[in-house]
Amino acid sequence: MCTDMGFNIDIFDYSPLPYCVIEIILDNNGEMTDFIYRYCNKAFADIKGYRREDIVNHKCLEVFPDSDKKKFKLSYKVAYGNEAAEFDEFYTEKGAYYHVNIMPVGKVGFCACMLRDVKK
């Protein structure tokens, strides 16, 4: 059971939908600088081309240095504003488009992302 964040997310372990939970990292001025993957299921690790152990408890920019920091603002808005957000993204690793939903998880500073493959 994964309860490190105060809630159980084991139900996503075997989901075919890629899913992760992230914790926002803020600097001394309250600005988001990065985030830490606190959970990801196998489907999420697979689309990123990694093992779960290579992602969980690691900073995004450490694992994916070319990440689009513009999307950090959406994660911040969800984690601190309790609002959902969504966008489409192309993953070159798999040559596929994914529709990304970012949603609150009930704990300030955290949010979850679920990806759905969309054919384009």
N, C-alpha and C. Protein backbone atom coordinates (compact mmCIF):
# COMPACT_ATOMS: atom_id res chain seq x y z
N MET A 1 0.84 -1.18 0.00
CA MET A 1 0.00 0.00 0.00
C MET A 1 0.89 1.24 0.00
N CYS A 2 0.62 2.15 -0.89
CA CYS A 2 1.40 3.40 -0.97
C CYS A 2 0.64 4.49 -0.23
N THR A 3 1.06 4.80 0.98
CA THR A 3 0.38 5.81 1.78
C THR A 3 1.33 6.91 2.22
N ASP A 4 2.49 7.01 1.58
CA ASP A 4 3.48 8.02 1.95
C ASP A 4 2.92 9.43 1.89
N MET A 5 1.94 9.65 1.04
CA MET A 5 1.37 10.98 0.86
C MET A 5 0.10 11.17 1.67
N GLY A 6 -0.27 10.18 2.45
CA GLY A 6 -1.46 10.29 3.27
C GLY A 6 -2.72 9.76 2.60
N PHE A 7 -2.59 9.14 1.44
CA PHE A 7 -3.74 8.54 0.78
C PHE A 7 -3.27 7.32 0.00
N ASN A 8 -4.19 6.42 -0.27
CA ASN A 8 -3.87 5.15 -0.93
C ASN A 8 -4.06 5.29 -2.44
N ILE A 9 -3.02 4.99 -3.20
CA ILE A 9 -3.13 5.07 -4.66
C ILE A 9 -2.81 3.74 -5.33
N ASP A 10 -2.76 2.67 -4.56
CA ASP A 10 -2.47 1.36 -5.13
C ASP A 10 -3.46 0.96 -6.22
N ILE A 11 -4.64 1.52 -6.21
CA ILE A 11 -5.64 1.15 -7.22
C ILE A 11 -5.18 1.46 -8.63
N PHE A 12 -4.18 2.33 -8.79
CA PHE A 12 -3.68 2.67 -10.11
C PHE A 12 -2.52 1.79 -10.57
N ASP A 13 -2.00 0.94 -9.69
CA ASP A 13 -0.84 0.12 -10.04
C ASP A 13 -1.03 -0.67 -11.32
N TYR A 14 -2.20 -1.24 -11.52
CA TYR A 14 -2.44 -2.12 -12.66
C TYR A 14 -3.32 -1.48 -13.73
N SER A 15 -3.53 -0.19 -13.61
CA SER A 15 -4.33 0.51 -14.61
C SER A 15 -3.58 0.59 -15.94
N PRO A 16 -4.28 0.41 -17.05
CA PRO A 16 -3.63 0.58 -18.34
C PRO A 16 -3.39 2.06 -18.68
N LEU A 17 -4.03 2.95 -17.93
CA LEU A 17 -3.84 4.39 -18.14
C LEU A 17 -2.62 4.87 -17.36
N PRO A 18 -1.68 5.55 -18.02
CA PRO A 18 -0.53 6.10 -17.31
C PRO A 18 -0.98 7.11 -16.26
N TYR A 19 -0.45 6.99 -15.05
CA TYR A 19 -0.88 7.82 -13.93
C TYR A 19 0.32 8.11 -13.04
N CYS A 20 0.40 9.35 -12.56
CA CYS A 20 1.46 9.70 -11.60
C CYS A 20 0.93 10.74 -10.62
N VAL A 21 1.60 10.84 -9.48
CA VAL A 21 1.34 11.87 -8.48
C VAL A 21 2.65 12.62 -8.29
N ILE A 22 2.55 13.95 -8.29
CA ILE A 22 3.75 14.77 -8.14
C ILE A 22 3.61 15.72 -6.95
N GLU A 23 4.75 16.07 -6.39
CA GLU A 23 4.82 17.07 -5.32
C GLU A 23 5.58 18.27 -5.88
N ILE A 24 4.98 19.44 -5.76
CA ILE A 24 5.56 20.67 -6.29
C ILE A 24 6.71 21.12 -5.38
N ILE A 25 7.80 21.56 -5.99
CA ILE A 25 8.94 22.12 -5.25
C ILE A 25 8.94 23.63 -5.46
N LEU A 26 8.96 24.36 -4.36
CA LEU A 26 8.96 25.82 -4.41
C LEU A 26 10.30 26.37 -3.91
N ASP A 27 10.69 27.53 -4.45
CA ASP A 27 11.88 28.20 -3.93
C ASP A 27 11.48 29.07 -2.74
N ASN A 28 12.40 29.83 -2.20
CA ASN A 28 12.13 30.68 -1.02
C ASN A 28 11.11 31.77 -1.29
N ASN A 29 10.88 32.10 -2.57
CA ASN A 29 9.90 33.11 -2.94
C ASN A 29 8.54 32.52 -3.27
N GLY A 30 8.39 31.20 -3.11
CA GLY A 30 7.12 30.56 -3.40
C GLY A 30 6.91 30.26 -4.87
N GLU A 31 7.98 30.36 -5.67
CA GLU A 31 7.89 30.07 -7.10
C GLU A 31 8.23 28.59 -7.33
N MET A 32 7.50 27.96 -8.23
CA MET A 32 7.76 26.57 -8.55
C MET A 32 9.06 26.44 -9.34
N THR A 33 9.93 25.53 -8.90
CA THR A 33 11.20 25.31 -9.59
C THR A 33 11.27 23.94 -10.25
N ASP A 34 10.51 23.00 -9.72
CA ASP A 34 10.55 21.62 -10.23
C ASP A 34 9.44 20.86 -9.52
N PHE A 35 9.35 19.58 -9.77
CA PHE A 35 8.47 18.73 -8.97
C PHE A 35 9.11 17.36 -8.82
N ILE A 36 8.64 16.64 -7.81
CA ILE A 36 9.14 15.30 -7.53
C ILE A 36 8.02 14.31 -7.82
N TYR A 37 8.34 13.27 -8.57
CA TYR A 37 7.38 12.19 -8.79
C TYR A 37 7.29 11.39 -7.50
N ARG A 38 6.13 11.39 -6.87
CA ARG A 38 5.94 10.64 -5.64
C ARG A 38 5.32 9.27 -5.90
N TYR A 39 4.74 9.11 -7.07
CA TYR A 39 4.16 7.83 -7.46
C TYR A 39 4.04 7.81 -8.98
N CYS A 40 4.23 6.66 -9.57
CA CYS A 40 3.82 6.44 -10.96
C CYS A 40 3.53 4.96 -11.12
N ASN A 41 2.58 4.67 -11.99
CA ASN A 41 2.29 3.27 -12.25
C ASN A 41 3.17 2.78 -13.40
N LYS A 42 3.11 1.49 -13.66
CA LYS A 42 3.95 0.89 -14.70
C LYS A 42 3.64 1.49 -16.07
N ALA A 43 2.36 1.75 -16.34
CA ALA A 43 1.97 2.31 -17.64
C ALA A 43 2.62 3.68 -17.86
N PHE A 44 2.73 4.49 -16.81
CA PHE A 44 3.38 5.80 -16.92
C PHE A 44 4.87 5.62 -17.18
N ALA A 45 5.51 4.76 -16.43
CA ALA A 45 6.95 4.52 -16.62
C ALA A 45 7.22 3.99 -18.03
N ASP A 46 6.36 3.12 -18.51
CA ASP A 46 6.55 2.54 -19.84
C ASP A 46 6.51 3.59 -20.94
N ILE A 47 5.57 4.55 -20.87
CA ILE A 47 5.53 5.55 -21.96
C ILE A 47 6.71 6.50 -21.90
N LYS A 48 7.29 6.63 -20.72
CA LYS A 48 8.46 7.49 -20.57
C LYS A 48 9.75 6.72 -20.88
N GLY A 49 9.65 5.39 -21.00
CA GLY A 49 10.82 4.59 -21.31
C GLY A 49 11.74 4.32 -20.12
N TYR A 50 11.16 4.31 -18.92
CA TYR A 50 11.93 4.10 -17.69
C TYR A 50 11.29 3.01 -16.85
N ARG A 51 11.99 2.60 -15.81
CA ARG A 51 11.42 1.75 -14.78
C ARG A 51 10.83 2.67 -13.71
N ARG A 52 9.87 2.21 -12.97
CA ARG A 52 9.25 3.03 -11.93
C ARG A 52 10.29 3.54 -10.94
N GLU A 53 11.24 2.70 -10.59
CA GLU A 53 12.27 3.09 -9.61
C GLU A 53 13.13 4.26 -10.10
N ASP A 54 13.21 4.41 -11.41
CA ASP A 54 14.01 5.50 -11.99
C ASP A 54 13.27 6.84 -11.97
N ILE A 55 11.98 6.80 -11.69
CA ILE A 55 11.15 8.01 -11.70
C ILE A 55 10.72 8.41 -10.29
N VAL A 56 10.16 7.48 -9.54
CA VAL A 56 9.59 7.78 -8.22
C VAL A 56 10.67 8.30 -7.28
N ASN A 57 10.33 9.40 -6.61
CA ASN A 57 11.19 10.12 -5.66
C ASN A 57 12.36 10.83 -6.33
N HIS A 58 12.22 11.09 -7.62
CA HIS A 58 13.21 11.87 -8.35
C HIS A 58 12.56 13.13 -8.90
N LYS A 59 13.36 14.19 -9.02
CA LYS A 59 12.87 15.44 -9.59
C LYS A 59 12.66 15.28 -11.09
N CYS A 60 11.65 15.96 -11.59
CA CYS A 60 11.34 15.92 -13.02
C CYS A 60 12.54 16.32 -13.86
N LEU A 61 13.17 17.46 -13.54
CA LEU A 61 14.28 17.95 -14.36
C LEU A 61 15.54 17.09 -14.22
N GLU A 62 15.59 16.29 -13.20
CA GLU A 62 16.69 15.34 -13.02
C GLU A 62 16.52 14.16 -13.99
N VAL A 63 15.28 13.69 -14.09
CA VAL A 63 14.98 12.54 -14.94
C VAL A 63 14.75 12.96 -16.39
N PHE A 64 14.05 14.07 -16.58
CA PHE A 64 13.71 14.57 -17.91
C PHE A 64 14.19 16.01 -18.06
N PRO A 65 15.49 16.21 -18.28
CA PRO A 65 16.05 17.58 -18.30
C PRO A 65 15.48 18.48 -19.40
N ASP A 66 14.89 17.91 -20.43
CA ASP A 66 14.34 18.72 -21.51
C ASP A 66 12.85 19.01 -21.33
N SER A 67 12.32 18.81 -20.14
CA SER A 67 10.89 19.04 -19.88
C SER A 67 10.51 20.49 -20.16
N ASP A 68 9.29 20.66 -20.64
CA ASP A 68 8.75 21.98 -20.94
C ASP A 68 8.32 22.65 -19.63
N LYS A 69 9.10 23.60 -19.15
CA LYS A 69 8.81 24.27 -17.88
C LYS A 69 7.53 25.10 -17.94
N LYS A 70 7.05 25.42 -19.13
CA LYS A 70 5.80 26.18 -19.25
C LYS A 70 4.64 25.39 -18.65
N LYS A 71 4.71 24.08 -18.73
CA LYS A 71 3.63 23.24 -18.19
C LYS A 71 3.69 23.16 -16.66
N PHE A 72 4.81 23.57 -16.07
CA PHE A 72 4.90 23.60 -14.61
C PHE A 72 3.82 24.49 -14.02
N LYS A 73 3.51 25.59 -14.70
CA LYS A 73 2.50 26.53 -14.20
C LYS A 73 1.15 25.85 -14.05
N LEU A 74 0.82 24.96 -14.96
CA LEU A 74 -0.45 24.23 -14.85
C LEU A 74 -0.45 23.35 -13.61
N SER A 75 0.65 22.64 -13.38
CA SER A 75 0.75 21.78 -12.20
C SER A 75 0.63 22.60 -10.92
N TYR A 76 1.29 23.74 -10.88
CA TYR A 76 1.22 24.62 -9.71
C TYR A 76 -0.23 25.06 -9.47
N LYS A 77 -0.90 25.47 -10.54
CA LYS A 77 -2.29 25.94 -10.43
C LYS A 77 -3.19 24.85 -9.86
N VAL A 78 -2.98 23.63 -10.30
CA VAL A 78 -3.79 22.51 -9.80
C VAL A 78 -3.45 22.20 -8.35
N ALA A 79 -2.16 22.12 -8.04
CA ALA A 79 -1.72 21.72 -6.69
C ALA A 79 -2.06 22.76 -5.62
N TYR A 80 -2.10 24.02 -6.01
CA TYR A 80 -2.37 25.07 -5.01
C TYR A 80 -3.71 25.78 -5.21
N GLY A 81 -4.31 25.62 -6.37
CA GLY A 81 -5.59 26.28 -6.63
C GLY A 81 -6.77 25.36 -6.67
N ASN A 82 -6.50 24.05 -6.51
CA ASN A 82 -7.56 23.05 -6.48
C ASN A 82 -8.44 23.09 -7.73
N GLU A 83 -7.80 23.34 -8.88
CA GLU A 83 -8.50 23.35 -10.17
C GLU A 83 -7.85 22.32 -11.08
N ALA A 84 -8.63 21.69 -11.93
CA ALA A 84 -8.08 20.74 -12.89
C ALA A 84 -7.59 21.46 -14.13
N ALA A 85 -6.69 20.83 -14.87
CA ALA A 85 -6.18 21.38 -16.13
C ALA A 85 -5.94 20.23 -17.09
N GLU A 86 -5.83 20.55 -18.37
CA GLU A 86 -5.57 19.51 -19.35
C GLU A 86 -4.89 20.10 -20.58
N PHE A 87 -4.17 19.24 -21.29
CA PHE A 87 -3.50 19.63 -22.52
C PHE A 87 -3.14 18.37 -23.31
N ASP A 88 -2.78 18.54 -24.57
CA ASP A 88 -2.29 17.44 -25.40
C ASP A 88 -0.79 17.58 -25.54
N GLU A 89 -0.11 16.43 -25.58
CA GLU A 89 1.34 16.46 -25.67
C GLU A 89 1.82 15.30 -26.53
N PHE A 90 2.86 15.56 -27.32
CA PHE A 90 3.46 14.53 -28.16
C PHE A 90 4.67 13.96 -27.44
N TYR A 91 4.72 12.65 -27.29
CA TYR A 91 5.85 11.99 -26.66
C TYR A 91 6.69 11.33 -27.74
N THR A 92 7.86 11.88 -27.98
CA THR A 92 8.72 11.36 -29.03
C THR A 92 9.20 9.95 -28.72
N GLU A 93 9.29 9.61 -27.42
CA GLU A 93 9.74 8.28 -27.05
C GLU A 93 8.85 7.20 -27.66
N LYS A 94 7.56 7.47 -27.73
CA LYS A 94 6.61 6.50 -28.24
C LYS A 94 6.01 6.93 -29.58
N GLY A 95 6.30 8.13 -30.03
CA GLY A 95 5.72 8.62 -31.27
C GLY A 95 4.21 8.70 -31.21
N ALA A 96 3.68 9.10 -30.05
CA ALA A 96 2.23 9.14 -29.85
C ALA A 96 1.81 10.43 -29.16
N TYR A 97 0.57 10.78 -29.37
CA TYR A 97 -0.02 11.92 -28.68
C TYR A 97 -0.80 11.42 -27.48
N TYR A 98 -0.70 12.19 -26.41
CA TYR A 98 -1.45 11.87 -25.20
C TYR A 98 -2.22 13.10 -24.75
N HIS A 99 -3.45 12.86 -24.31
CA HIS A 99 -4.23 13.91 -23.67
C HIS A 99 -3.93 13.79 -22.18
N VAL A 100 -3.44 14.87 -21.58
CA VAL A 100 -3.00 14.86 -20.18
C VAL A 100 -4.02 15.60 -19.33
N ASN A 101 -4.52 14.93 -18.31
CA ASN A 101 -5.39 15.56 -17.32
C ASN A 101 -4.60 15.70 -16.03
N ILE A 102 -4.59 16.90 -15.47
CA ILE A 102 -3.94 17.15 -14.18
C ILE A 102 -5.05 17.47 -13.19
N MET A 103 -5.06 16.78 -12.06
CA MET A 103 -6.15 16.97 -11.13
C MET A 103 -5.66 17.04 -9.69
N PRO A 104 -6.39 17.75 -8.83
CA PRO A 104 -6.04 17.81 -7.42
C PRO A 104 -6.20 16.44 -6.77
N VAL A 105 -5.45 16.21 -5.71
CA VAL A 105 -5.55 14.93 -5.00
C VAL A 105 -6.01 15.11 -3.56
N GLY A 106 -6.34 16.33 -3.18
CA GLY A 106 -6.83 16.58 -1.82
C GLY A 106 -5.75 16.93 -0.83
N LYS A 107 -4.54 17.15 -1.30
CA LYS A 107 -3.44 17.55 -0.42
C LYS A 107 -2.70 18.70 -1.10
N VAL A 108 -2.62 19.83 -0.45
CA VAL A 108 -1.99 21.03 -1.02
C VAL A 108 -0.54 20.73 -1.38
N GLY A 109 -0.16 21.17 -2.58
CA GLY A 109 1.20 20.98 -3.05
C GLY A 109 1.40 19.72 -3.87
N PHE A 110 0.35 18.93 -3.99
CA PHE A 110 0.39 17.69 -4.76
C PHE A 110 -0.67 17.73 -5.85
N CYS A 111 -0.43 17.03 -6.94
CA CYS A 111 -1.46 16.81 -7.95
C CYS A 111 -1.17 15.51 -8.68
N ALA A 112 -2.14 15.04 -9.42
CA ALA A 112 -2.00 13.80 -10.17
C ALA A 112 -2.15 14.08 -11.65
N CYS A 113 -1.52 13.26 -12.45
CA CYS A 113 -1.63 13.36 -13.91
C CYS A 113 -2.04 12.00 -14.45
N MET A 114 -3.01 12.02 -15.35
CA MET A 114 -3.43 10.81 -16.04
C MET A 114 -3.35 11.10 -17.53
N LEU A 115 -2.79 10.16 -18.28
CA LEU A 115 -2.60 10.33 -19.70
C LEU A 115 -3.49 9.35 -20.47
N ARG A 116 -3.98 9.82 -21.60
CA ARG A 116 -4.80 8.97 -22.45
C ARG A 116 -4.28 9.11 -23.87
N ASP A 117 -3.97 8.01 -24.51
CA ASP A 117 -3.48 7.99 -25.87
C ASP A 117 -4.58 8.48 -26.81
N VAL A 118 -4.26 9.47 -27.61
CA VAL A 118 -5.22 9.96 -28.60
C VAL A 118 -4.59 9.79 -29.98
N LYS A 119 -5.34 9.24 -30.88
CA LYS A 119 -4.84 9.02 -32.25
C LYS A 119 -4.99 10.32 -33.04
N LYS A 120 -3.86 10.80 -33.59
CA LYS A 120 -3.91 12.03 -34.39
C LYS A 120 -3.27 11.77 -35.73
